[in-house]
PDB file of N, CA and C in Angstrom:
ATOM      1  N   MET A   1       0.814  -1.367  -0.178  1.00  0.00           N
ATOM      2  CA  MET A   1       0.012   0.039  -0.093  1.00  0.00           C
ATOM      3  C   MET A   1       0.847   1.202  -0.135  1.00  0.00           C
ATOM      4  N   PHE A   2       0.382   2.254  -0.693  1.00  0.00           N
ATOM      5  CA  PHE A   2       1.387   3.756  -0.817  1.00  0.00           C
ATOM      6  C   PHE A   2       1.044   4.405   0.071  1.00  0.00           C
ATOM      7  N   ASN A   3       0.266   3.906   1.256  1.00  0.00           N
ATOM      8  CA  ASN A   3      -0.549   4.760   2.107  1.00  0.00           C
ATOM      9  C   ASN A   3      -0.508   4.224   3.779  1.00  0.00           C
ATOM     10  N   TYR A   4      -0.434   4.953   4.525  1.00  0.00           N
ATOM     11  CA  TYR A   4      -0.477   4.492   5.762  1.00  0.00           C
ATOM     12  C   TYR A   4      -2.015   5.161   6.295  1.00  0.00           C
ATOM     13  N   THR A   5      -2.663   4.979   6.607  1.00  0.00           N
ATOM     14  CA  THR A   5      -4.521   5.826   7.089  1.00  0.00           C
ATOM     15  C   THR A   5      -4.997   4.783   8.140  1.00  0.00           C
ATOM     16  N   VAL A   6      -5.543   5.308   9.277  1.00  0.00           N
ATOM     17  CA  VAL A   6      -5.765   5.246  10.762  1.00  0.00           C
ATOM     18  C   VAL A   6      -7.374   5.796  10.770  1.00  0.00           C
ATOM     19  N   ASP A   7      -8.377   4.628  11.535  1.00  0.00           N
ATOM     20  CA  ASP A   7      -9.707   5.847  11.920  1.00  0.00           C
ATOM     21  C   ASP A   7      -9.239   5.990  13.429  1.00  0.00           C
ATOM     22  N   THR A   8     -10.165   7.586  13.385  1.00  0.00           N
ATOM     23  CA  THR A   8      -9.944   7.952  14.951  1.00  0.00           C
ATOM     24  C   THR A   8     -11.478   7.955  15.307  1.00  0.00           C
ATOM     25  N   SER A   9     -11.280   7.646  16.677  1.00  0.00           N
ATOM     26  CA  SER A   9     -13.106   8.786  16.883  1.00  0.00           C
ATOM     27  C   SER A   9     -13.089   9.857  17.233  1.00  0.00           C
ATOM     28  N   LYS A  10     -12.019  10.784  17.414  1.00  0.00           N
ATOM     29  CA  LYS A  10     -11.907  12.416  16.873  1.00  0.00           C
ATOM     30  C   LYS A  10     -12.511  12.819  16.169  1.00  0.00           C
ATOM     31  N   THR A  11     -13.103  13.904  16.117  1.00  0.00           N
ATOM     32  CA  THR A  11     -14.213  15.142  15.246  1.00  0.00           C
ATOM     33  C   THR A  11     -12.066  15.446  14.291  1.00  0.00           C
ATOM     34  N   VAL A  12     -12.487  15.874  13.012  1.00  0.00           N
ATOM     35  CA  VAL A  12     -11.414  16.665  12.335  1.00  0.00           C
ATOM     36  C   VAL A  12     -10.717  17.463  12.773  1.00  0.00           C
ATOM     37  N   SER A  13     -11.156  18.750  13.576  1.00  0.00           N
ATOM     38  CA  SER A  13     -10.804  19.607  14.039  1.00  0.00           C
ATOM     39  C   SER A  13      -9.625  18.631  15.620  1.00  0.00           C
ATOM     40  N   GLU A  14     -10.245  18.145  16.241  1.00  0.00           N
ATOM     41  CA  GLU A  14      -9.448  17.324  17.727  1.00  0.00           C
ATOM     42  C   GLU A  14      -8.467  16.772  17.220  1.00  0.00           C
ATOM     43  N   ALA A  15      -8.701  16.747  15.820  1.00  0.00           N
ATOM     44  CA  ALA A  15      -7.697  15.168  15.236  1.00  0.00           C
ATOM     45  C   ALA A  15      -6.525  16.335  15.309  1.00  0.00           C
ATOM     46  N   VAL A  16      -6.502  16.993  14.423  1.00  0.00           N
ATOM     47  CA  VAL A  16      -5.750  18.212  13.658  1.00  0.00           C
ATOM     48  C   VAL A  16      -4.929  18.767  14.378  1.00  0.00           C
ATOM     49  N   GLU A  17      -5.677  19.134  15.984  1.00  0.00           N
ATOM     50  CA  GLU A  17      -5.150  20.134  16.746  1.00  0.00           C
ATOM     51  C   GLU A  17      -3.701  18.467  17.684  1.00  0.00           C
ATOM     52  N   ALA A  18      -4.407  17.512  17.971  1.00  0.00           N
ATOM     53  CA  ALA A  18      -3.279  16.328  18.210  1.00  0.00           C
ATOM     54  C   ALA A  18      -2.613  16.010  17.134  1.00  0.00           C
ATOM     55  N   LEU A  19      -2.296  16.184  16.060  1.00  0.00           N
ATOM     56  CA  LEU A  19      -1.698  15.877  15.072  1.00  0.00           C
ATOM     57  C   LEU A  19      -0.431  17.597  14.988  1.00  0.00           C
ATOM     58  N   GLU A  20      -0.923  18.729  16.157  1.00  0.00           N
ATOM     59  CA  GLU A  20       0.162  19.391  15.612  1.00  0.00           C
ATOM     60  C   GLU A  20       0.872  19.254  17.431  1.00  0.00           C
ATOM     61  N   GLU A  21       0.690  18.860  18.074  1.00  0.00           N
ATOM     62  CA  GLU A  21       0.933  18.455  18.651  1.00  0.00           C
ATOM     63  C   GLU A  21       2.690  17.892  18.652  1.00  0.00           C
ATOM     64  N   ASN A  22       1.357  16.261  18.970  1.00  0.00           N
ATOM     65  CA  ASN A  22       2.342  15.150  18.277  1.00  0.00           C
ATOM     66  C   ASN A  22       4.171  15.159  17.247  1.00  0.00           C
ATOM     67  N   LEU A  23       3.129  16.151  16.679  1.00  0.00           N
ATOM     68  CA  LEU A  23       4.294  16.301  14.750  1.00  0.00           C
ATOM     69  C   LEU A  23       5.362  17.573  15.467  1.00  0.00           C
ATOM     70  N   LYS A  24       5.040  18.306  16.615  1.00  0.00           N
ATOM     71  CA  LYS A  24       5.848  19.666  17.304  1.00  0.00           C
ATOM     72  C   LYS A  24       6.862  18.076  18.091  1.00  0.00           C
ATOM     73  N   ALA A  25       6.608  17.545  18.806  1.00  0.00           N
ATOM     74  CA  ALA A  25       7.387  17.310  19.681  1.00  0.00           C
ATOM     75  C   ALA A  25       8.268  16.036  18.614  1.00  0.00           C
ATOM     76  N   GLU A  26       8.108  15.962  17.666  1.00  0.00           N
ATOM     77  CA  GLU A  26       9.038  14.888  17.152  1.00  0.00           C
ATOM     78  C   GLU A  26       9.382  16.113  15.484  1.00  0.00           C
ATOM     79  N   LYS A  27       9.566  17.130  16.352  1.00  0.00           N
ATOM     80  CA  LYS A  27      10.144  18.485  15.389  1.00  0.00           C
ATOM     81  C   LYS A  27      10.106  18.780  13.747  1.00  0.00           C
ATOM     82  N   PHE A  28       8.724  18.431  13.641  1.00  0.00           N
ATOM     83  CA  PHE A  28       8.010  18.933  11.688  1.00  0.00           C
ATOM     84  C   PHE A  28       7.276  19.786  12.871  1.00  0.00           C
ATOM     85  N   GLY A  29       7.246  20.651  11.604  1.00  0.00           N
ATOM     86  CA  GLY A  29       6.551  22.031  11.738  1.00  0.00           C
ATOM     87  C   GLY A  29       5.801  22.153  10.568  1.00  0.00           C
ATOM     88  N   ILE A  30       4.014  22.758  11.284  1.00  0.00           N
ATOM     89  CA  ILE A  30       3.744  22.796   9.937  1.00  0.00           C
ATOM     90  C   ILE A  30       3.856  23.829   9.217  1.00  0.00           C
ATOM     91  N   LEU A  31       3.557  23.724   7.912  1.00  0.00           N
ATOM     92  CA  LEU A  31       3.693  25.074   6.873  1.00  0.00           C
ATOM     93  C   LEU A  31       2.486  24.973   6.216  1.00  0.00           C
ATOM     94  N   TRP A  32       1.460  24.578   6.242  1.00  0.00           N
ATOM     95  CA  TRP A  32       0.109  24.581   6.083  1.00  0.00           C
ATOM     96  C   TRP A  32      -0.986  23.873   6.485  1.00  0.00           C
ATOM     97  N   ASN A  33      -1.474  24.276   7.298  1.00  0.00           N
ATOM     98  CA  ASN A  33      -2.810  23.647   7.595  1.00  0.00           C
ATOM     99  C   ASN A  33      -3.856  24.187   6.691  1.00  0.00           C
ATOM    100  N   PHE A  34      -4.559  23.229   5.546  1.00  0.00           N
ATOM    101  CA  PHE A  34      -5.270  23.939   4.105  1.00  0.00           C
ATOM    102  C   PHE A  34      -6.464  23.163   4.473  1.00  0.00           C
ATOM    103  N   ASP A  35      -7.492  24.387   4.983  1.00  0.00           N
ATOM    104  CA  ASP A  35      -8.883  23.395   5.081  1.00  0.00           C
ATOM    105  C   ASP A  35      -9.524  23.171   3.563  1.00  0.00           C
ATOM    106  N   LEU A  36      -9.291  21.873   3.073  1.00  0.00           N
ATOM    107  CA  LEU A  36      -9.907  21.450   1.904  1.00  0.00           C
ATOM    108  C   LEU A  36     -11.279  22.156   1.104  1.00  0.00           C
ATOM    109  N   THR A  37     -12.568  21.927   2.344  1.00  0.00           N
ATOM    110  CA  THR A  37     -13.660  21.764   2.112  1.00  0.00           C
ATOM    111  C   THR A  37     -13.711  23.390   2.467  1.00  0.00           C
ATOM    112  N   ALA A  38     -13.623  24.631   3.074  1.00  0.00           N
ATOM    113  CA  ALA A  38     -13.542  25.883   2.625  1.00  0.00           C
ATOM    114  C   ALA A  38     -12.576  25.882   0.818  1.00  0.00           C
ATOM    115  N   LYS A  39     -11.700  25.589   1.002  1.00  0.00           N
ATOM    116  CA  LYS A  39     -11.512  26.487  -0.262  1.00  0.00           C
ATOM    117  C   LYS A  39     -12.086  26.312  -1.295  1.00  0.00           C
ATOM    118  N   LEU A  40     -12.421  24.863  -1.283  1.00  0.00           N
ATOM    119  CA  LEU A  40     -13.684  24.274  -2.990  1.00  0.00           C
ATOM    120  C   LEU A  40     -15.051  24.810  -2.779  1.00  0.00           C
ATOM    121  N   GLN A  41     -15.452  25.156  -1.405  1.00  0.00           N
ATOM    122  CA  GLN A  41     -16.898  26.382  -1.131  1.00  0.00           C
ATOM    123  C   GLN A  41     -16.450  27.406  -1.606  1.00  0.00           C
ATOM    124  N   GLU A  42     -15.371  28.527  -1.464  1.00  0.00           N
ATOM    125  CA  GLU A  42     -14.797  29.637  -1.429  1.00  0.00           C
ATOM    126  C   GLU A  42     -15.490  29.806  -3.201  1.00  0.00           C
ATOM    127  N   LYS A  43     -14.635  28.725  -3.936  1.00  0.00           N
ATOM    128  CA  LYS A  43     -14.630  28.376  -5.264  1.00  0.00           C
ATOM    129  C   LYS A  43     -15.669  28.158  -6.064  1.00  0.00           C
ATOM    130  N   GLY A  44     -16.769  28.109  -4.882  1.00  0.00           N
ATOM    131  CA  GLY A  44     -18.476  27.509  -5.782  1.00  0.00           C
ATOM    132  C   GLY A  44     -18.648  26.179  -6.022  1.00  0.00           C
ATOM    133  N   GLU A  45     -17.983  25.191  -5.378  1.00  0.00           N
ATOM    134  CA  GLU A  45     -17.827  24.189  -5.435  1.00  0.00           C
ATOM    135  C   GLU A  45     -18.292  23.374  -4.571  1.00  0.00           C
ATOM    136  N   ASP A  46     -19.749  22.606  -4.823  1.00  0.00           N
ATOM    137  CA  ASP A  46     -20.687  21.852  -3.731  1.00  0.00           C
ATOM    138  C   ASP A  46     -20.115  20.769  -3.287  1.00  0.00           C
ATOM    139  N   PHE A  47     -19.130  20.468  -2.457  1.00  0.00           N
ATOM    140  CA  PHE A  47     -18.039  19.814  -1.230  1.00  0.00           C
ATOM    141  C   PHE A  47     -18.375  19.995   0.090  1.00  0.00           C
ATOM    142  N   ASP A  48     -18.900  19.418   0.645  1.00  0.00           N
ATOM    143  CA  ASP A  48     -19.289  19.356   2.249  1.00  0.00           C
ATOM    144  C   ASP A  48     -18.718  18.050   3.127  1.00  0.00           C
ATOM    145  N   THR A  49     -17.569  17.517   2.090  1.00  0.00           N
ATOM    146  CA  THR A  49     -16.852  16.968   3.890  1.00  0.00           C
ATOM    147  C   THR A  49     -15.990  17.714   3.997  1.00  0.00           C
ATOM    148  N   PRO A  50     -15.811  17.637   5.520  1.00  0.00           N
ATOM    149  CA  PRO A  50     -14.547  18.272   6.375  1.00  0.00           C
ATOM    150  C   PRO A  50     -12.988  16.682   5.998  1.00  0.00           C
ATOM    151  N   TYR A  51     -12.124  18.339   5.532  1.00  0.00           N
ATOM    152  CA  TYR A  51     -11.245  17.367   4.491  1.00  0.00           C
ATOM    153  C   TYR A  51      -9.987  18.572   4.780  1.00  0.00           C
ATOM    154  N   THR A  52      -9.118  18.547   5.703  1.00  0.00           N
ATOM    155  CA  THR A  52      -7.916  19.220   6.039  1.00  0.00           C
ATOM    156  C   THR A  52      -7.184  18.010   5.504  1.00  0.00           C
ATOM    157  N   ILE A  53      -6.003  18.804   4.666  1.00  0.00           N
ATOM    158  CA  ILE A  53      -4.314  18.706   4.305  1.00  0.00           C
ATOM    159  C   ILE A  53      -3.623  19.520   5.207  1.00  0.00           C
ATOM    160  N   LEU A  54      -2.388  18.799   5.697  1.00  0.00           N
ATOM    161  CA  LEU A  54      -1.550  19.175   6.698  1.00  0.00           C
ATOM    162  C   LEU A  54       0.120  19.224   5.750  1.00  0.00           C
ATOM    163  N   GLU A  55       0.488  20.510   5.196  1.00  0.00           N
ATOM    164  CA  GLU A  55       2.027  20.280   4.729  1.00  0.00           C
ATOM    165  C   GLU A  55       2.788  20.440   5.933  1.00  0.00           C
ATOM    166  N   VAL A  56       3.430  18.769   6.569  1.00  0.00           N
ATOM    167  CA  VAL A  56       4.860  19.267   7.367  1.00  0.00           C
ATOM    168  C   VAL A  56       6.338  18.818   6.829  1.00  0.00           C
ATOM    169  N   CYS A  57       7.336  19.473   7.789  1.00  0.00           N
ATOM    170  CA  CYS A  57       8.664  19.531   7.255  1.00  0.00           C
ATOM    171  C   CYS A  57       9.305  19.667   8.822  1.00  0.00           C
ATOM    172  N   ASN A  58      10.640  18.607   8.498  1.00  0.00           N
ATOM    173  CA  ASN A  58      11.767  18.852   9.290  1.00  0.00           C
ATOM    174  C   ASN A  58      12.164  19.088   8.875  1.00  0.00           C
ATOM    175  N   PRO A  59      13.040  20.505   8.863  1.00  0.00           N
ATOM    176  CA  PRO A  59      13.958  20.631   8.496  1.00  0.00           C
ATOM    177  C   PRO A  59      15.280  20.481   8.148  1.00  0.00           C
ATOM    178  N   LYS A  60      15.574  19.476   9.400  1.00  0.00           N
ATOM    179  CA  LYS A  60      17.276  18.826   9.546  1.00  0.00           C
ATOM    180  C   LYS A  60      16.935  17.712   8.205  1.00  0.00           C
ATOM    181  N   GLU A  61      15.986  17.002   8.518  1.00  0.00           N
ATOM    182  CA  GLU A  61      15.837  15.993   7.326  1.00  0.00           C
ATOM    183  C   GLU A  61      15.362  16.254   6.213  1.00  0.00           C
ATOM    184  N   ALA A  62      14.894  17.241   5.800  1.00  0.00           N
ATOM    185  CA  ALA A  62      14.575  17.931   4.285  1.00  0.00           C
ATOM    186  C   ALA A  62      16.271  17.779   3.897  1.00  0.00           C
ATOM    187  N   ASN A  63      16.920  18.836   4.775  1.00  0.00           N
ATOM    188  CA  ASN A  63      18.097  19.113   4.129  1.00  0.00           C
ATOM    189  C   ASN A  63      19.040  17.744   4.454  1.00  0.00           C
ATOM    190  N   ARG A  64      19.137  16.953   4.887  1.00  0.00           N
ATOM    191  CA  ARG A  64      19.751  15.548   4.850  1.00  0.00           C
ATOM    192  C   ARG A  64      19.229  14.580   3.661  1.00  0.00           C
ATOM    193  N   VAL A  65      17.725  14.973   2.815  1.00  0.00           N
ATOM    194  CA  VAL A  65      17.407  14.721   1.718  1.00  0.00           C
ATOM    195  C   VAL A  65      17.784  14.855   0.485  1.00  0.00           C
ATOM    196  N   LEU A  66      17.430  16.547   0.458  1.00  0.00           N
ATOM    197  CA  LEU A  66      18.068  17.141  -0.402  1.00  0.00           C
ATOM    198  C   LEU A  66      19.276  17.320  -0.848  1.00  0.00           C
ATOM    199  N   SER A  67      20.023  17.203  -0.073  1.00  0.00           N
ATOM    200  CA  SER A  67      21.093  16.973  -0.099  1.00  0.00           C
ATOM    201  C   SER A  67      22.125  16.086  -0.637  1.00  0.00           C
ATOM    202  N   GLU A  68      20.879  14.827  -0.692  1.00  0.00           N
ATOM    203  CA  GLU A  68      21.651  13.411  -0.941  1.00  0.00           C
ATOM    204  C   GLU A  68      20.888  13.932  -2.819  1.00  0.00           C
ATOM    205  N   ASN A  69      19.571  14.021  -2.945  1.00  0.00           N
ATOM    206  CA  ASN A  69      19.455  13.916  -4.124  1.00  0.00           C
ATOM    207  C   ASN A  69      18.271  15.435  -4.425  1.00  0.00           C
ATOM    208  N   LEU A  70      17.951  15.902  -5.157  1.00  0.00           N
ATOM    209  CA  LEU A  70      17.512  16.915  -5.566  1.00  0.00           C
ATOM    210  C   LEU A  70      16.042  16.527  -5.742  1.00  0.00           C
ATOM    211  N   MET A  71      16.183  15.881  -6.234  1.00  0.00           N
ATOM    212  CA  MET A  71      14.618  15.589  -7.176  1.00  0.00           C
ATOM    213  C   MET A  71      13.901  15.310  -5.941  1.00  0.00           C
ATOM    214  N   ILE A  72      13.966  14.770  -4.491  1.00  0.00           N
ATOM    215  CA  ILE A  72      13.185  14.714  -3.661  1.00  0.00           C
ATOM    216  C   ILE A  72      12.257  15.461  -3.073  1.00  0.00           C
ATOM    217  N   GLY A  73      12.671  17.093  -3.422  1.00  0.00           N
ATOM    218  CA  GLY A  73      12.107  17.584  -3.442  1.00  0.00           C
ATOM    219  C   GLY A  73      10.912  17.946  -4.362  1.00  0.00           C
ATOM    220  N   TYR A  74      10.391  16.893  -4.841  1.00  0.00           N
ATOM    221  CA  TYR A  74       9.467  16.625  -5.749  1.00  0.00           C
ATOM    222  C   TYR A  74       8.371  15.839  -4.906  1.00  0.00           C
ATOM    223  N   PHE A  75       9.141  15.293  -3.593  1.00  0.00           N
ATOM    224  CA  PHE A  75       7.726  15.241  -2.944  1.00  0.00           C
ATOM    225  C   PHE A  75       7.605  16.140  -1.625  1.00  0.00           C
ATOM    226  N   LEU A  76       8.301  16.739  -1.504  1.00  0.00           N
ATOM    227  CA  LEU A  76       8.072  18.159   0.456  1.00  0.00           C
ATOM    228  C   LEU A  76       7.140  18.662  -0.389  1.00  0.00           C
ATOM    229  N   PRO A  77       6.689  19.421   1.001  1.00  0.00           N
ATOM    230  CA  PRO A  77       6.733  18.768   2.033  1.00  0.00           C
ATOM    231  C   PRO A  77       6.022  17.300   2.200  1.00  0.00           C
ATOM    232  N   CYS A  78       6.009  16.597   3.034  1.00  0.00           N
ATOM    233  CA  CYS A  78       5.041  15.474   3.458  1.00  0.00           C
ATOM    234  C   CYS A  78       3.683  16.125   3.481  1.00  0.00           C
ATOM    235  N   LYS A  79       2.594  14.887   3.119  1.00  0.00           N
ATOM    236  CA  LYS A  79       1.398  15.576   4.135  1.00  0.00           C
ATOM    237  C   LYS A  79       0.681  14.705   4.360  1.00  0.00           C
ATOM    238  N   ILE A  80      -0.063  14.873   5.679  1.00  0.00           N
ATOM    239  CA  ILE A  80      -0.753  14.434   6.260  1.00  0.00           C
ATOM    240  C   ILE A  80      -2.389  14.598   6.475  1.00  0.00           C
ATOM    241  N   VAL A  81      -3.164  13.977   5.853  1.00  0.00           N
ATOM    242  CA  VAL A  81      -4.478  14.224   5.718  1.00  0.00           C
ATOM    243  C   VAL A  81      -5.627  13.790   6.786  1.00  0.00           C
ATOM    244  N   VAL A  82      -6.556  14.674   7.286  1.00  0.00           N
ATOM    245  CA  VAL A  82      -7.732  14.804   8.230  1.00  0.00           C
ATOM    246  C   VAL A  82      -9.251  14.745   7.194  1.00  0.00           C
ATOM    247  N   TYR A  83     -10.250  13.687   7.428  1.00  0.00           N
ATOM    248  CA  TYR A  83     -11.057  13.705   6.612  1.00  0.00           C
ATOM    249  C   TYR A  83     -12.411  13.012   7.479  1.00  0.00           C
ATOM    250  N   LYS A  84     -13.317  13.005   7.058  1.00  0.00           N
ATOM    251  CA  LYS A  84     -14.291  12.375   7.597  1.00  0.00           C
ATOM    252  C   LYS A  84     -15.512  11.971   6.574  1.00  0.00           C
ATOM    253  N   GLU A  85     -15.100  10.392   6.908  1.00  0.00           N
ATOM    254  CA  GLU A  85     -16.354   9.800   6.064  1.00  0.00           C
ATOM    255  C   GLU A  85     -17.608   8.908   6.644  1.00  0.00           C
ATOM    256  N   SER A  86     -18.170   8.520   5.725  1.00  0.00           N
ATOM    257  CA  SER A  86     -19.000   7.982   6.085  1.00  0.00           C
ATOM    258  C   SER A  86     -18.995   7.250   7.775  1.00  0.00           C
ATOM    259  N   ASP A  87     -17.888   6.402   8.241  1.00  0.00           N
ATOM    260  CA  ASP A  87     -18.007   5.839   8.387  1.00  0.00           C
ATOM    261  C   ASP A  87     -17.108   6.496  10.108  1.00  0.00           C
ATOM    262  N   GLY A  88     -16.853   7.561   9.856  1.00  0.00           N
ATOM    263  CA  GLY A  88     -16.051   8.113  10.939  1.00  0.00           C
ATOM    264  C   GLY A  88     -14.890   9.107  10.592  1.00  0.00           C
ATOM    265  N   VAL A  89     -14.081   8.914  11.510  1.00  0.00           N
ATOM    266  CA  VAL A  89     -13.066  10.081  10.733  1.00  0.00           C
ATOM    267  C   VAL A  89     -11.188   9.209  10.233  1.00  0.00           C
ATOM    268  N   LYS A  90     -10.762   9.829   9.337  1.00  0.00           N
ATOM    269  CA  LYS A  90      -9.390   9.149   8.856  1.00  0.00           C
ATOM    270  C   LYS A  90      -8.505  10.216   8.525  1.00  0.00           C
ATOM    271  N   ILE A  91      -7.528   9.579   9.396  1.00  0.00           N
ATOM    272  CA  ILE A  91      -6.159   9.829   9.483  1.00  0.00           C
ATOM    273  C   ILE A  91      -4.995   9.418   8.260  1.00  0.00           C
ATOM    274  N   GLY A  92      -4.414  10.101   7.685  1.00  0.00           N
ATOM    275  CA  GLY A  92      -3.371   9.174   6.622  1.00  0.00           C
ATOM    276  C   GLY A  92      -2.674   9.966   5.886  1.00  0.00           C
ATOM    277  N   MET A  93      -1.929   9.302   5.254  1.00  0.00           N
ATOM    278  CA  MET A  93      -0.450  10.471   4.783  1.00  0.00           C
ATOM    279  C   MET A  93       0.071   9.115   3.404  1.00  0.00           C
ATOM    280  N   PRO A  94       0.619   9.480   2.555  1.00  0.00           N
ATOM    281  CA  PRO A  94       1.144   8.725   1.790  1.00  0.00           C
ATOM    282  C   PRO A  94       2.016   7.883   2.142  1.00  0.00           C
ATOM    283  N   LYS A  95       2.678   6.889   2.218  1.00  0.00           N
ATOM    284  CA  LYS A  95       4.183   6.744   2.741  1.00  0.00           C
ATOM    285  C   LYS A  95       5.544   7.303   2.047  1.00  0.00           C
ATOM    286  N   PRO A  96       6.170   7.538   3.135  1.00  0.00           N
ATOM    287  CA  PRO A  96       7.905   8.214   2.116  1.00  0.00           C
ATOM    288  C   PRO A  96       7.709   7.329   1.710  1.00  0.00           C
ATOM    289  N   THR A  97       8.175   6.526   2.282  1.00  0.00           N
ATOM    290  CA  THR A  97       8.432   5.042   1.389  1.00  0.00           C
ATOM    291  C   THR A  97       8.249   4.421   0.350  1.00  0.00           C
ATOM    292  N   ALA A  98       7.144   4.788  -0.118  1.00  0.00           N
ATOM    293  CA  ALA A  98       6.652   4.478  -1.361  1.00  0.00           C
ATOM    294  C   ALA A  98       6.902   5.298  -2.121  1.00  0.00           C
ATOM    295  N   LEU A  99       6.824   6.656  -1.747  1.00  0.00           N
ATOM    296  CA  LEU A  99       7.187   7.872  -2.629  1.00  0.00           C
ATOM    297  C   LEU A  99       9.162   7.962  -3.404  1.00  0.00           C
ATOM    298  N   ILE A 100      10.024   6.885  -2.151  1.00  0.00           N
ATOM    299  CA  ILE A 100      11.315   6.644  -2.747  1.00  0.00           C
ATOM    300  C   ILE A 100      11.379   6.258  -3.701  1.00  0.00           C
ATOM    301  N   SER A 101      10.637   4.848  -3.299  1.00  0.00           N
ATOM    302  CA  SER A 101      10.839   3.789  -4.519  1.00  0.00           C
ATOM    303  C   SER A 101      10.902   4.008  -5.442  1.00  0.00           C
ATOM    304  N   MET A 102      10.234   5.117  -5.859  1.00  0.00           N
ATOM    305  CA  MET A 102      10.290   5.485  -7.304  1.00  0.00           C
ATOM    306  C   MET A 102      11.066   6.458  -8.141  1.00  0.00           C
ATOM    307  N   VAL A 103      12.308   7.427  -6.965  1.00  0.00           N
ATOM    308  CA  VAL A 103      13.790   7.460  -7.318  1.00  0.00           C
ATOM    309  C   VAL A 103      14.966   6.683  -7.618  1.00  0.00           C
ATOM    310  N   GLU A 104      14.065   5.649  -6.945  1.00  0.00           N
ATOM    311  CA  GLU A 104      15.305   4.360  -7.270  1.00  0.00           C
ATOM    312  C   GLU A 104      16.596   5.029  -6.522  1.00  0.00           C
ATOM    313  N   ASP A 105      16.526   4.674  -5.252  1.00  0.00           N
ATOM    314  CA  ASP A 105      18.108   6.139  -5.035  1.00  0.00           C
ATOM    315  C   ASP A 105      18.212   4.928  -3.190  1.00  0.00           C
ATOM    316  N   GLU A 106      18.825   4.402  -2.704  1.00  0.00           N
ATOM    317  CA  GLU A 106      19.195   3.496  -1.784  1.00  0.00           C
ATOM    318  C   GLU A 106      19.713   4.213  -0.946  1.00  0.00           C
ATOM    319  N   ASN A 107      20.516   5.094  -0.959  1.00  0.00           N
ATOM    320  CA  ASN A 107      21.058   6.151   0.213  1.00  0.00           C
ATOM    321  C   ASN A 107      20.042   7.150   0.712  1.00  0.00           C
ATOM    322  N   ILE A 108      18.612   7.736  -0.212  1.00  0.00           N
ATOM    323  CA  ILE A 108      17.622   7.738   0.905  1.00  0.00           C
ATOM    324  C   ILE A 108      17.095   7.055   1.491  1.00  0.00           C
ATOM    325  N   LYS A 109      16.522   5.906   1.154  1.00  0.00           N
ATOM    326  CA  LYS A 109      15.761   5.044   1.391  1.00  0.00           C
ATOM    327  C   LYS A 109      15.857   4.620   2.737  1.00  0.00           C
ATOM    328  N   SER A 110      16.638   4.599   3.824  1.00  0.00           N
ATOM    329  CA  SER A 110      16.960   4.367   5.500  1.00  0.00           C
ATOM    330  C   SER A 110      16.130   5.790   5.980  1.00  0.00           C
ATOM    331  N   ILE A 111      16.658   7.025   5.159  1.00  0.00           N
ATOM    332  CA  ILE A 111      15.778   8.638   5.403  1.00  0.00           C
ATOM    333  C   ILE A 111      14.659   8.196   6.029  1.00  0.00           C
ATOM    334  N   ALA A 112      14.461   8.185   4.293  1.00  0.00           N
ATOM    335  CA  ALA A 112      12.044   7.983   4.043  1.00  0.00           C
ATOM    336  C   ALA A 112      12.017   6.642   5.765  1.00  0.00           C
ATOM    337  N   GLU A 113      13.105   5.409   5.582  1.00  0.00           N
ATOM    338  CA  GLU A 113      12.058   4.560   7.059  1.00  0.00           C
ATOM    339  C   GLU A 113      11.896   5.547   7.998  1.00  0.00           C
ATOM    340  N   ASP A 114      13.291   6.078   8.172  1.00  0.00           N
ATOM    341  CA  ASP A 114      12.829   6.759   9.543  1.00  0.00           C
ATOM    342  C   ASP A 114      11.969   7.883   9.792  1.00  0.00           C
ATOM    343  N   ILE A 115      12.288   8.634   8.480  1.00  0.00           N
ATOM    344  CA  ILE A 115      10.660   9.479   8.571  1.00  0.00           C
ATOM    345  C   ILE A 115       9.522   8.988   8.893  1.00  0.00           C
ATOM    346  N   GLU A 116       8.996   8.345   8.031  1.00  0.00           N
ATOM    347  CA  GLU A 116       7.885   7.176   7.858  1.00  0.00           C
ATOM    348  C   GLU A 116       7.748   6.564   9.225  1.00  0.00           C
ATOM    349  N   GLU A 117       8.210   6.276  10.332  1.00  0.00           N
ATOM    350  CA  GLU A 117       8.026   5.762  11.408  1.00  0.00           C
ATOM    351  C   GLU A 117       7.754   6.493  12.757  1.00  0.00           C
ATOM    352  N   ARG A 118       8.882   7.808  12.037  1.00  0.00           N
ATOM    353  CA  ARG A 118       8.219   8.923  13.248  1.00  0.00           C
ATOM    354  C   ARG A 118       6.866   9.245  12.997  1.00  0.00           C
ATOM    355  N   LEU A 119       6.384   9.570  11.200  1.00  0.00           N
ATOM    356  CA  LEU A 119       5.099  10.463  11.274  1.00  0.00           C
ATOM    357  C   LEU A 119       4.145   9.135  11.606  1.00  0.00           C
ATOM    358  N   ILE A 120       4.816   8.190  11.501  1.00  0.00           N
ATOM    359  CA  ILE A 120       3.431   6.736  11.706  1.00  0.00           C
ATOM    360  C   ILE A 120       3.080   6.935  13.162  1.00  0.00           C
ATOM    361  N   LYS A 121       4.313   7.238  13.990  1.00  0.00           N
ATOM    362  CA  LYS A 121       4.007   7.196  15.316  1.00  0.00           C
ATOM    363  C   LYS A 121       3.482   8.525  16.364  1.00  0.00           C
ATOM    364  N   CYS A 122       3.269   9.664  15.104  1.00  0.00           N
ATOM    365  CA  CYS A 122       2.168  10.557  15.390  1.00  0.00           C
ATOM    366  C   CYS A 122       1.087  10.244  14.780  1.00  0.00           C
ATOM    367  N   ILE A 123       1.007  10.325  14.233  1.00  0.00           N
ATOM    368  CA  ILE A 123      -0.559   9.367  13.492  1.00  0.00           C
ATOM    369  C   ILE A 123      -1.311   8.304  14.752  1.00  0.00           C
ATOM    370  N   ASP A 124      -0.521   7.718  15.581  1.00  0.00           N
ATOM    371  CA  ASP A 124      -0.927   6.975  16.033  1.00  0.00           C
ATOM    372  C   ASP A 124      -1.511   7.651  17.155  1.00  0.00           C
ATOM    373  N   GLN A 125      -0.445   8.733  18.250  1.00  0.00           N
ATOM    374  CA  GLN A 125      -0.817   9.095  18.929  1.00  0.00           C
ATOM    375  C   GLN A 125      -2.396   9.845  19.112  1.00  0.00           C
ATOM    376  N   SER A 126      -1.756  10.768  17.619  1.00  0.00           N
ATOM    377  CA  SER A 126      -2.764  10.990  17.333  1.00  0.00           C
ATOM    378  C   SER A 126      -4.474  10.262  17.525  1.00  0.00           C
ATOM    379  N   ALA A 127      -4.262   9.628  16.771  1.00  0.00           N
ATOM    380  CA  ALA A 127      -5.573   8.431  16.908  1.00  0.00           C
ATOM    381  C   ALA A 127      -6.796   8.464  18.614  1.00  0.00           C
TER     382      ALA A 127
END
């Protein structure tokens, strides 16, 4: 699977708030908290599903991967989504290891594995 997704009993805003705290503990900053629902509605689209996209970055890790291969910037920053589905709220992300596998760079693979583990920990703690 290209993604890691969990269910939570929290609301979208409660899950986003928990993610912000847990990401901060792992030294990931939130570059953008994007309320996709509000933006689509602002543009006149009939979309009412609560859907938030967080773009997150750890500057030290970004520097490490970009110093190895500038093409990794195509995958930065990391995205974590929180959205309402009929059966509850989901928190998920594309796995960094799945994205990195497209570049076929073994030097970066271990870095991606570490980042993925840390982001999964944040998601699990936030659920």
